[in-house]
């Protein structure tokens, strides 16, 4: 089995690396182990805005990247280790996938953990989810990858992924929230009780190397300079772009209602390919002009908080009536502030 590491903690680069290996290294079994710094990784068929707490994500500098496999959104940090198996695909793909899951479970059990496969794509330790998996077929090759929650920050996981799905109506794939755990916390007394993530990495690498057979050996390889250039190009043109990470979201509708000192504010939006295609602002606030004049500036714009904030600042003077900055937002929203409008628009 060929073993590779990405040499990076950038989620966009790592996902580009993985895709490149799937599409261009077409012979042999490959095992990749890699880490992402703080990131939310969105499933291929998900509505990004529906899966993340955008305010929390922005305030904590969490990168949001869409992967090329299905399934739900997951949080990654440097307490998490990711694995990818890439091999030939045959009609007995379920059997092939099964051997990878079994290899991961066996590796965890060898550390004294009560690990078992559960449902379609989860691995549990002591009844808590420590690994979610997904897969992708490309030609006659298959990618099977997953997470291993070694010692991730549970507060960051909860904060980044706590968007309110009740505000959205879409046909996107919804994440199923599970009770998550950590491998480090589950390690019992014994030789592995005090191991750190780097030691865990080495152990997992050796154990997963037997997924192609007990006599298998790992052969470490590196990408060539030419391959590296292609991976960086793929990262820049796909995984680092808003169009892939947000704009590819399915059509969805969003509605939210909040009460402020200046009155009740309700916002309804239609979003397609990440762009606002319809918008309505309603409420009992005291306005002097119809809100349709305000929402007209939103149509065709990306559904992204900082971008909309800039649009409002460019076209409306937030605090004063008519001035060089345009009509005051007060004429449309009364004493509802720009911050309150953005809070309602983005949850």
Protein backbone atom coordinates (compact mmCIF):
# COMPACT_ATOMS: atom_id res chain seq x y z
CA UNK A 1 0.00 0.00 0.00
CA UNK A 2 1.29 3.44 -0.94
CA UNK A 3 1.30 5.89 1.97
CA UNK A 4 1.17 9.66 1.48
CA UNK A 5 0.85 12.77 3.62
CA UNK A 6 -0.25 16.17 2.33
CA UNK A 7 2.26 18.21 4.33
CA UNK A 8 -0.39 20.86 4.93
CA UNK A 9 -3.16 21.78 7.38
CA UNK A 10 -5.02 23.96 4.84
CA UNK A 11 -8.39 22.24 4.20
CA UNK A 12 -8.71 23.58 0.65
CA UNK A 13 -5.26 22.26 -0.29
CA UNK A 14 -5.83 18.91 1.43
CA UNK A 15 -9.10 18.28 -0.38
CA UNK A 16 -7.45 19.24 -3.68
CA UNK A 17 -4.59 16.83 -2.86
CA UNK A 18 -7.05 14.02 -2.20
CA UNK A 19 -9.01 14.68 -5.41
CA UNK A 20 -5.83 14.80 -7.48
CA UNK A 21 -4.63 11.44 -6.14
CA UNK A 22 -8.05 9.89 -6.85
CA UNK A 23 -8.09 11.11 -10.45
CA UNK A 24 -4.42 10.73 -11.38
CA UNK A 25 -2.81 7.97 -9.31
CA UNK A 26 -4.75 5.16 -10.97
CA UNK A 27 -2.85 2.07 -9.81
CA UNK A 28 -2.42 0.48 -6.42
CA UNK A 29 -3.91 1.02 -2.99
CA UNK A 30 -3.28 4.42 -1.41
CA UNK A 31 -3.56 5.49 2.21
CA UNK A 32 -3.49 9.20 3.05
CA UNK A 33 -3.34 10.63 6.57
CA UNK A 34 -3.84 14.38 6.97
CA UNK A 35 -5.06 17.14 9.27
CA UNK A 36 -7.01 20.35 8.77
CA UNK A 37 -6.69 23.42 10.92
CA UNK A 38 -10.00 24.88 12.17
CA UNK A 39 -12.50 24.17 9.40
CA UNK A 40 -16.04 23.09 8.64
CA UNK A 41 -16.11 20.58 5.79
CA UNK A 42 -19.44 20.60 3.95
CA UNK A 43 -20.87 17.59 2.13
CA UNK A 44 -21.13 17.79 -1.65
CA UNK A 45 -24.93 18.12 -1.72
CA UNK A 46 -25.43 20.42 1.26
CA UNK A 47 -26.59 23.99 1.65
CA UNK A 48 -23.59 25.63 3.32
CA UNK A 49 -25.61 28.37 5.03
CA UNK A 50 -27.94 25.77 6.53
CA UNK A 51 -25.08 23.84 8.13
CA UNK A 52 -22.95 26.51 9.81
CA UNK A 53 -23.31 29.20 12.42
CA UNK A 54 -21.91 31.92 10.16
CA UNK A 55 -21.29 34.44 12.93
CA UNK A 56 -19.39 31.92 15.07
CA UNK A 57 -17.42 30.66 12.06
CA UNK A 58 -16.38 34.16 11.04
CA UNK A 59 -15.48 35.30 14.56
CA UNK A 60 -13.29 32.24 15.16
CA UNK A 61 -11.54 32.29 11.78
CA UNK A 62 -12.94 28.91 10.78
CA UNK A 63 -12.51 28.05 7.10
CA UNK A 64 -15.51 26.57 5.28
CA UNK A 65 -14.77 24.18 2.40
CA UNK A 66 -17.01 21.83 0.42
CA UNK A 67 -15.70 18.32 -0.22
CA UNK A 68 -16.46 16.11 -3.23
CA UNK A 69 -18.21 13.37 -1.24
CA UNK A 70 -21.72 13.24 0.19
CA UNK A 71 -22.81 13.05 3.81
CA UNK A 72 -23.02 15.72 6.46
CA UNK A 73 -20.98 18.67 7.65
CA UNK A 74 -18.11 17.99 10.06
CA UNK A 75 -15.79 20.17 12.12
CA UNK A 76 -12.03 19.63 11.84
CA UNK A 77 -9.19 20.95 13.97
CA UNK A 78 -5.71 19.79 14.87
CA UNK A 79 -7.19 17.39 17.42
CA UNK A 80 -8.70 15.46 14.51
CA UNK A 81 -6.93 13.02 12.18
CA UNK A 82 -8.33 12.30 8.71
CA UNK A 83 -7.74 9.17 6.67
CA UNK A 84 -8.36 8.43 2.99
CA UNK A 85 -8.25 5.06 1.24
CA UNK A 86 -8.10 5.07 -2.57
CA UNK A 87 -8.24 1.77 -4.45
CA UNK A 88 -9.82 -0.03 -7.40
CA UNK A 89 -13.60 -0.21 -7.47
CA UNK A 90 -15.49 -3.37 -8.43
CA UNK A 91 -19.14 -4.41 -8.35
CA UNK A 92 -18.57 -5.75 -4.84
CA UNK A 93 -17.88 -2.20 -3.63
CA UNK A 94 -19.75 -2.79 -0.38
CA UNK A 95 -17.32 -5.56 0.48
CA UNK A 96 -14.41 -3.29 -0.41
CA UNK A 97 -15.76 -0.50 1.80
CA UNK A 98 -16.39 -2.98 4.58
CA UNK A 99 -12.73 -3.92 4.77
CA UNK A 100 -11.77 -0.29 5.29
CA UNK A 101 -14.31 0.19 8.08
CA UNK A 102 -13.20 -3.07 9.66
CA UNK A 103 -9.57 -1.95 9.48
CA UNK A 104 -10.36 1.31 11.30
CA UNK A 105 -12.43 -0.48 13.95
CA UNK A 106 -9.70 -3.10 14.42
CA UNK A 107 -7.07 -0.37 14.80
CA UNK A 108 -9.12 1.33 17.50
CA UNK A 109 -9.83 -1.93 19.31
CA UNK A 110 -6.12 -2.70 19.37
CA UNK A 111 -5.76 0.40 21.55
CA UNK A 112 -8.19 -1.09 24.05
CA UNK A 113 -11.21 0.90 22.82
CA UNK A 114 -14.77 -0.41 22.61
CA UNK A 115 -15.10 0.49 18.91
CA UNK A 116 -17.77 -0.66 16.47
CA UNK A 117 -19.28 0.30 13.13
CA UNK A 118 -22.77 1.81 13.27
CA UNK A 119 -25.33 2.53 10.57
CA UNK A 120 -24.19 3.61 7.13
CA UNK A 121 -21.03 5.46 7.88
CA UNK A 122 -20.28 6.00 11.57
CA UNK A 123 -17.77 4.44 13.94
CA UNK A 124 -18.58 4.59 17.65
CA UNK A 125 -16.45 4.31 20.77
CA UNK A 126 -18.35 3.79 24.02
CA UNK A 127 -21.54 4.63 22.11
CA UNK A 128 -20.29 8.03 20.93
CA UNK A 129 -19.40 8.95 17.36
CA UNK A 130 -15.67 9.38 16.78
CA UNK A 131 -15.61 8.82 13.02
CA UNK A 132 -17.90 9.67 10.13
CA UNK A 133 -17.13 8.36 6.66
CA UNK A 134 -18.05 9.03 3.04
CA UNK A 135 -17.07 7.72 -0.36
CA UNK A 136 -16.83 8.65 -4.03
CA UNK A 137 -16.42 6.56 -7.20
CA UNK A 138 -14.40 7.95 -10.11
CA UNK A 139 -14.04 5.65 -13.11
CA UNK A 140 -12.71 2.39 -11.76
CA UNK A 141 -11.35 3.97 -8.58
CA UNK A 142 -13.03 4.56 -5.24
CA UNK A 143 -12.24 7.01 -2.46
CA UNK A 144 -13.27 6.16 1.09
CA UNK A 145 -12.41 8.74 3.72
CA UNK A 146 -13.27 9.61 7.28
CA UNK A 147 -12.42 11.45 10.46
CA UNK A 148 -10.91 10.27 13.71
CA UNK A 149 -11.85 12.59 16.59
CA UNK A 150 -8.84 12.19 18.83
CA UNK A 151 -9.03 15.30 21.00
CA UNK A 152 -11.10 17.94 19.18
CA UNK A 153 -12.62 20.89 21.05
CA UNK A 154 -16.31 20.01 21.69
CA UNK A 155 -17.27 23.66 22.20
CA UNK A 156 -15.91 24.55 18.76
CA UNK A 157 -17.75 21.63 17.20
CA UNK A 158 -21.02 22.72 18.81
CA UNK A 159 -20.51 26.40 18.03
CA UNK A 160 -19.56 26.02 14.37
CA UNK A 161 -22.36 23.58 13.49
CA UNK A 162 -25.34 24.98 15.39
CA UNK A 163 -27.24 26.71 12.56
CA UNK A 164 -31.03 26.61 13.03
CA UNK A 165 -32.44 24.36 10.25
CA UNK A 166 -35.97 25.60 10.97
CA UNK A 167 -35.10 28.85 9.17
CA UNK A 168 -34.33 27.06 5.89
CA UNK A 169 -36.43 25.21 3.34
CA UNK A 170 -34.36 23.30 0.80
CA UNK A 171 -33.80 19.90 -0.75
CA UNK A 172 -30.21 19.76 0.42
CA UNK A 173 -28.77 16.82 2.34
CA UNK A 174 -29.21 17.59 6.04
CA UNK A 175 -26.58 16.66 8.59
CA UNK A 176 -27.65 14.24 11.30
CA UNK A 177 -26.20 15.48 14.57
CA UNK A 178 -24.79 12.69 16.69
CA UNK A 179 -23.40 12.57 20.19
CA UNK A 180 -19.68 12.88 19.55
CA UNK A 181 -16.82 11.72 21.70
CA UNK A 182 -13.04 11.79 21.74
CA UNK A 183 -10.59 8.93 21.43
CA UNK A 184 -8.17 10.36 23.99
CA UNK A 185 -10.89 10.58 26.67
CA UNK A 186 -11.93 6.98 25.99
CA UNK A 187 -8.48 5.43 26.34
CA UNK A 188 -8.40 3.20 29.41
CA UNK A 189 -5.56 2.48 31.74
CA UNK A 190 -2.76 0.78 29.89
CA UNK A 191 0.10 1.42 27.50
CA UNK A 192 -1.85 3.91 25.38
CA UNK A 193 -3.42 5.95 28.16
CA UNK A 194 -1.11 8.92 27.75
CA UNK A 195 -0.34 8.91 24.03
CA UNK A 196 -0.53 12.16 22.09
CA UNK A 197 -1.90 12.68 18.62
CA UNK A 198 1.46 12.23 16.86
CA UNK A 199 1.96 8.84 18.54
CA UNK A 200 -1.63 7.95 17.65
CA UNK A 201 -0.90 8.98 14.04
CA UNK A 202 2.04 6.55 13.83
CA UNK A 203 0.02 3.69 15.34
CA UNK A 204 -2.94 4.25 13.03
CA UNK A 205 -0.67 4.48 9.99
CA UNK A 206 0.83 1.07 10.70
CA UNK A 207 -2.49 -0.56 11.57
CA UNK A 208 -4.40 0.79 8.59
CA UNK A 209 -1.57 -0.28 6.34
CA UNK A 210 -2.81 -3.85 6.73
CA UNK A 211 -6.20 -3.04 5.12
CA UNK A 212 -4.98 -4.60 1.86
CA UNK A 213 -3.85 -7.74 3.64
CA UNK A 214 -1.90 -8.78 6.76
CA UNK A 215 1.35 -9.17 4.81
CA UNK A 216 1.08 -5.73 3.23
CA UNK A 217 3.81 -3.14 3.68
CA UNK A 218 3.50 0.64 3.46
CA UNK A 219 5.59 2.35 0.82
CA UNK A 220 5.85 6.08 1.48
CA UNK A 221 5.69 8.29 -1.62
CA UNK A 222 5.58 12.01 -2.34
CA UNK A 223 4.02 14.04 -5.12
CA UNK A 224 6.35 15.33 -7.82
CA UNK A 225 6.89 19.07 -8.34
CA UNK A 226 4.64 18.83 -11.41
CA UNK A 227 1.90 17.14 -9.40
CA UNK A 228 2.29 19.70 -6.63
CA UNK A 229 1.71 22.50 -9.15
CA UNK A 230 -1.46 20.82 -10.41
CA UNK A 231 -2.75 20.32 -6.86
CA UNK A 232 -2.21 23.99 -6.05
CA UNK A 233 -3.98 24.98 -9.26
CA UNK A 234 -6.96 22.77 -8.33
CA UNK A 235 -6.97 24.29 -4.85
CA UNK A 236 -7.02 27.85 -6.19
CA UNK A 237 -9.56 27.24 -8.95
CA UNK A 238 -11.98 25.07 -6.96
CA UNK A 239 -11.60 24.51 -3.23
CA UNK A 240 -10.54 28.05 -2.37
CA UNK A 241 -13.39 29.67 -4.30
CA UNK A 242 -16.72 31.00 -3.00
CA UNK A 243 -18.46 29.54 -6.06
CA UNK A 244 -17.64 25.99 -4.94
CA UNK A 245 -17.98 26.37 -1.18
CA UNK A 246 -21.12 28.54 -1.08
CA UNK A 247 -22.34 29.11 -4.64
CA UNK A 248 -22.85 25.41 -5.30
CA UNK A 249 -25.48 25.19 -2.55
CA UNK A 250 -28.90 23.97 -3.76
CA UNK A 251 -31.75 26.46 -4.16
CA UNK A 252 -33.18 27.30 -0.76
CA UNK A 253 -35.55 29.62 1.03
CA UNK A 254 -34.75 31.34 4.31
CA UNK A 255 -37.09 33.02 6.75
CA UNK A 256 -36.32 34.52 10.14
CA UNK A 257 -38.22 36.77 12.55
CA UNK A 258 -36.83 38.73 15.47
CA UNK A 259 -38.09 41.29 17.95
CA UNK A 260 -35.99 44.40 18.64
CA UNK A 261 -36.65 47.62 20.62
CA UNK A 262 -37.56 49.25 17.30
CA UNK A 263 -40.18 46.63 16.45
CA UNK A 264 -40.60 43.21 14.89
CA UNK A 265 -38.44 42.46 11.85
CA UNK A 266 -39.05 39.54 9.50
CA UNK A 267 -36.82 38.68 6.53
CA UNK A 268 -37.61 36.20 3.75
CA UNK A 269 -35.05 35.25 1.08
CA UNK A 270 -34.79 32.97 -1.91
CA UNK A 271 -31.25 31.93 -2.77
CA UNK A 272 -30.09 30.06 -5.86
CA UNK A 273 -26.47 29.07 -6.53
CA UNK A 274 -25.50 31.22 -3.59
CA UNK A 275 -27.10 34.40 -5.02
CA UNK A 276 -30.16 36.16 -3.61
CA UNK A 277 -32.97 35.88 -6.18
CA UNK A 278 -35.84 37.16 -4.03
CA UNK A 279 -36.06 39.19 -0.84
CA UNK A 280 -38.77 40.60 1.41
CA UNK A 281 -38.53 42.65 4.62
CA UNK A 282 -41.62 42.92 6.82
CA UNK A 283 -42.52 44.06 10.31
CA UNK A 284 -44.22 46.66 12.49
CA UNK A 285 -41.27 49.08 12.55
CA UNK A 286 -41.97 52.70 11.63
CA UNK A 287 -40.74 53.26 8.07
CA UNK A 288 -41.10 56.24 5.73
CA UNK A 289 -40.32 54.44 2.47
CA UNK A 290 -41.29 51.01 1.08
CA UNK A 291 -38.76 48.28 1.87
CA UNK A 292 -38.91 47.12 -1.77
CA UNK A 293 -36.50 49.96 -2.56
CA UNK A 294 -34.10 48.49 -0.01
CA UNK A 295 -34.44 44.86 -1.06
CA UNK A 296 -33.85 45.81 -4.68
CA UNK A 297 -30.19 46.34 -3.80
CA UNK A 298 -29.95 42.74 -2.54
CA UNK A 299 -31.14 40.92 -5.66
CA UNK A 300 -28.35 39.18 -7.53
CA UNK A 301 -25.88 39.58 -4.68
CA UNK A 302 -24.10 36.69 -2.90
CA UNK A 303 -25.79 35.52 0.30
CA UNK A 304 -22.76 36.34 2.42
CA UNK A 305 -22.88 38.55 5.48
CA UNK A 306 -19.83 40.74 4.95
CA UNK A 307 -20.73 41.28 1.29
CA UNK A 308 -24.30 42.35 2.12
CA UNK A 309 -22.98 44.61 4.87
CA UNK A 310 -20.76 46.34 2.32
CA UNK A 311 -23.70 46.71 -0.10
CA UNK A 312 -25.76 48.40 2.61
CA UNK A 313 -22.91 50.69 3.61
CA UNK A 314 -22.29 51.69 -0.02
CA UNK A 315 -25.91 52.50 -0.78
CA UNK A 316 -27.38 53.69 2.52
CA UNK A 317 -26.18 56.09 5.14
CA UNK A 318 -26.93 54.13 8.31
CA UNK A 319 -27.44 56.99 10.77
CA UNK A 320 -28.58 60.16 9.00
CA UNK A 321 -31.36 61.08 6.60
CA UNK A 322 -30.47 61.99 3.00
CA UNK A 323 -26.78 62.68 2.61
CA UNK A 324 -23.96 61.95 0.22
CA UNK A 325 -24.13 58.37 1.44
CA UNK A 326 -27.68 57.95 0.14
CA UNK A 327 -30.99 57.62 1.93
CA UNK A 328 -30.80 56.69 5.57
CA UNK A 329 -31.60 53.11 6.49
CA UNK A 330 -33.91 54.67 9.08
CA UNK A 331 -36.29 55.74 6.31
CA UNK A 332 -36.87 52.07 5.48
CA UNK A 333 -36.49 50.37 8.88
CA UNK A 334 -37.28 53.04 11.47
CA UNK A 335 -35.02 52.52 14.46
CA UNK A 336 -34.06 48.99 13.37
CA UNK A 337 -30.28 49.13 12.92
CA UNK A 338 -28.10 47.71 10.17
CA UNK A 339 -26.64 45.24 12.67
CA UNK A 340 -30.13 44.03 13.59
CA UNK A 341 -31.06 43.64 9.92
CA UNK A 342 -27.92 41.57 9.28
CA UNK A 343 -28.55 39.50 12.42
CA UNK A 344 -32.02 38.66 11.12
CA UNK A 345 -30.82 37.94 7.59
CA UNK A 346 -28.07 35.57 8.71
CA UNK A 347 -29.30 34.17 12.00
